[in-house]
Protein backbone atom coordinates (compact mmCIF):
# COMPACT_ATOMS: atom_id res chain seq x y z
CA UNK A 1 0.04 0.05 0.07
CA UNK A 2 1.23 3.32 -0.79
CA UNK A 3 -0.63 6.50 -0.14
CA UNK A 4 0.22 10.21 -1.07
CA UNK A 5 -1.46 12.92 0.81
CA UNK A 6 -1.56 16.41 -0.72
CA UNK A 7 -3.42 19.59 -0.18
CA UNK A 8 -3.58 23.02 1.54
CA UNK A 9 -1.65 24.15 4.68
CA UNK A 10 -3.50 23.15 7.78
CA UNK A 11 -5.91 20.80 6.24
CA UNK A 12 -4.61 18.04 8.35
CA UNK A 13 -2.23 16.07 6.02
CA UNK A 14 0.14 15.01 8.73
CA UNK A 15 -2.47 13.78 11.07
CA UNK A 16 -4.19 11.80 8.46
CA UNK A 17 -0.91 10.27 7.34
CA UNK A 18 -0.19 9.00 10.93
CA UNK A 19 -3.65 7.55 11.34
CA UNK A 20 -3.28 5.63 7.96
CA UNK A 21 0.18 4.56 8.86
CA UNK A 22 -0.94 3.26 11.96
CA UNK A 23 -3.95 1.53 10.50
CA UNK A 24 -1.88 -0.28 7.63
CA UNK A 25 1.25 -0.61 9.75
CA UNK A 26 3.49 1.05 7.26
CA UNK A 27 6.05 3.80 7.40
CA UNK A 28 5.37 7.45 7.03
CA UNK A 29 7.43 10.18 5.73
CA UNK A 30 6.39 13.73 6.57
CA UNK A 31 7.99 16.01 4.00
CA UNK A 32 8.12 18.75 6.45
CA UNK A 33 10.93 16.83 8.24
CA UNK A 34 12.77 16.61 5.01
CA UNK A 35 12.42 20.29 4.30
CA UNK A 36 13.47 21.55 7.60
CA UNK A 37 16.44 21.38 9.97
CA UNK A 38 16.17 22.63 13.61
CA UNK A 39 14.84 26.03 14.23
CA UNK A 40 13.19 26.24 10.96
CA UNK A 41 16.24 26.34 8.73
CA UNK A 42 15.89 24.99 5.27
CA UNK A 43 17.79 21.82 4.25
CA UNK A 44 19.86 21.79 1.07
CA UNK A 45 17.83 20.77 -2.19
CA UNK A 46 20.27 17.99 -2.54
CA UNK A 47 19.97 16.43 0.87
CA UNK A 48 16.23 16.67 0.64
CA UNK A 49 16.11 14.67 -2.71
CA UNK A 50 18.52 12.51 -1.38
CA UNK A 51 16.49 11.58 1.95
CA UNK A 52 13.33 11.32 -0.21
CA UNK A 53 14.87 9.19 -3.02
CA UNK A 54 16.22 6.80 -0.37
CA UNK A 55 12.81 6.60 1.48
CA UNK A 56 11.01 5.78 -1.81
CA UNK A 57 13.71 3.36 -3.05
CA UNK A 58 13.72 1.18 0.39
CA UNK A 59 10.03 1.11 1.11
CA UNK A 60 7.54 -1.03 -0.76
CA UNK A 61 4.60 0.45 1.34
CA UNK A 62 4.52 4.16 2.55
CA UNK A 63 2.27 7.01 3.32
CA UNK A 64 3.94 10.45 2.39
CA UNK A 65 2.24 13.79 3.22
CA UNK A 66 3.29 17.14 1.74
CA UNK A 67 3.20 18.78 -1.55
CA UNK A 68 6.85 19.66 -2.11
CA UNK A 69 7.00 19.39 -5.90
CA UNK A 70 10.55 19.21 -6.19
CA UNK A 71 10.85 16.15 -3.92
CA UNK A 72 9.99 13.37 -6.57
CA UNK A 73 6.23 14.68 -6.77
CA UNK A 74 5.57 12.63 -10.05
CA UNK A 75 7.23 9.55 -8.83
CA UNK A 76 5.16 9.86 -5.64
CA UNK A 77 1.89 10.37 -7.53
CA UNK A 78 2.64 7.57 -10.07
CA UNK A 79 3.78 4.97 -7.45
CA UNK A 80 0.93 5.83 -4.99
CA UNK A 81 -2.07 3.50 -4.79
CA UNK A 82 -4.32 6.18 -3.41
CA UNK A 83 -3.62 9.84 -3.92
CA UNK A 84 -5.71 11.93 -1.10
CA UNK A 85 -6.28 15.53 -1.60
CA UNK A 86 -7.26 17.54 1.27
CA UNK A 87 -8.86 20.63 -0.22
CA UNK A 88 -10.43 22.09 2.82
CA UNK A 89 -11.96 25.72 2.67
CA UNK A 90 -9.34 28.41 3.44
CA UNK A 91 -11.01 29.26 6.88
CA UNK A 92 -11.19 25.79 7.86
CA UNK A 93 -7.61 25.45 7.41
CA UNK A 94 -6.86 28.67 9.19
CA UNK A 95 -8.88 27.28 12.22
CA UNK A 96 -7.22 23.96 12.08
CA UNK A 97 -3.73 25.53 11.88
CA UNK A 98 -4.68 27.75 15.09
CA UNK A 99 -5.93 25.12 16.99
CA UNK A 100 -2.53 22.79 16.21
CA UNK A 101 -0.85 26.18 17.23
CA UNK A 102 -2.45 26.08 20.66
CA UNK A 103 -2.14 22.38 21.13
CA UNK A 104 1.82 22.47 20.32
CA UNK A 105 2.66 26.12 21.39
CA UNK A 106 6.20 26.13 22.51
CA UNK A 107 6.79 22.59 21.52
CA UNK A 108 7.57 20.89 18.20
CA UNK A 109 4.64 18.68 16.78
CA UNK A 110 5.38 14.91 16.02
CA UNK A 111 5.44 15.53 12.27
CA UNK A 112 7.87 18.23 12.11
CA UNK A 113 11.47 18.61 12.19
CA UNK A 114 13.36 18.65 15.49
CA UNK A 115 13.34 22.01 17.47
CA UNK A 116 10.74 23.48 15.04
CA UNK A 117 8.67 25.11 17.62
CA UNK A 118 5.00 25.51 16.36
CA UNK A 119 4.42 28.90 15.24
CA UNK A 120 1.33 30.77 13.92
CA UNK A 121 2.44 34.32 12.52
CA UNK A 122 1.26 36.57 9.87
CA UNK A 123 3.45 35.09 7.18
CA UNK A 124 1.81 31.75 7.86
CA UNK A 125 -1.87 33.01 7.91
CA UNK A 126 -0.93 34.80 4.75
CA UNK A 127 0.11 31.58 3.22
CA UNK A 128 -2.98 29.57 4.48
CA UNK A 129 -5.53 32.12 3.24
CA UNK A 130 -3.95 33.36 -0.09
CA UNK A 131 -0.37 32.53 -1.17
CA UNK A 132 -0.69 28.85 -0.65
CA UNK A 133 -3.84 28.64 -2.76
CA UNK A 134 -2.44 30.19 -6.09
CA UNK A 135 -3.44 29.25 -9.53
CA UNK A 136 -0.42 26.93 -9.84
CA UNK A 137 -1.44 24.89 -6.68
CA UNK A 138 -5.13 24.86 -7.97
CA UNK A 139 -4.16 23.78 -11.37
CA UNK A 140 -1.71 21.17 -9.81
CA UNK A 141 -4.56 19.73 -7.93
CA UNK A 142 -7.02 19.76 -10.84
CA UNK A 143 -4.36 17.95 -13.00
CA UNK A 144 -3.84 15.19 -10.19
CA UNK A 145 -7.36 14.68 -10.41
CA UNK A 146 -7.55 14.60 -14.28
CA UNK A 147 -4.71 12.41 -14.64
CA UNK A 148 -5.22 10.05 -11.44
CA UNK A 149 -9.04 10.14 -11.10
CA UNK A 150 -9.27 6.40 -10.49
CA UNK A 151 -7.05 6.68 -7.52
CA UNK A 152 -7.58 10.26 -6.35
CA UNK A 153 -9.84 10.86 -3.09
CA UNK A 154 -10.84 14.45 -2.86
CA UNK A 155 -11.79 15.48 0.53
CA UNK A 156 -13.12 19.19 1.12
CA UNK A 157 -14.32 19.18 4.58
CA UNK A 158 -14.43 17.43 7.89
CA UNK A 159 -17.44 15.34 7.44
CA UNK A 160 -16.24 13.92 4.00
CA UNK A 161 -12.85 13.30 6.13
CA UNK A 162 -14.74 11.36 8.96
CA UNK A 163 -16.81 9.30 6.16
CA UNK A 164 -13.52 8.33 4.38
CA UNK A 165 -11.94 7.41 7.64
CA UNK A 166 -14.98 5.34 8.59
CA UNK A 167 -14.84 3.50 5.33
CA UNK A 168 -11.09 3.02 6.07
CA UNK A 169 -11.75 1.16 9.26
CA UNK A 170 -14.71 -0.56 8.02
CA UNK A 171 -12.25 -2.52 5.72
CA UNK A 172 -10.72 -4.29 8.49
């Protein structure tokens, strides 16, 4: 089983990845842990690619969450058995990100790189509401649905996510 999870910031990609990895007993790669070094420093492109490629080459089953188009995006989508797109409304994502901030304030959440303390600042709010939802992101998601419609699952709200998770649990 290979599952790729993409979508808007704050939509719950990492939480869903953890749940599905636990359910299917497979390894998970949170691409935020590849992108960032301690204290929100950015890892070199070469090192990020090496880490991601190594994970893909050494795992027969996986869950990978995150967009990161430079990190073997096409390969991840091609190899995935299921592609889950979390396309929640911008204000839902903002609320979820704020709730996450309150939960992990002054700590590092489990799906983030070491010593990257949870933050909620103007730049992140701007990213969630506008910059992360630009034309290229929307076109990329539409392209995924068009190209991989047979294995793409589009989830736009919590009710749909709950329904999906119930169907996953029912498949035991």
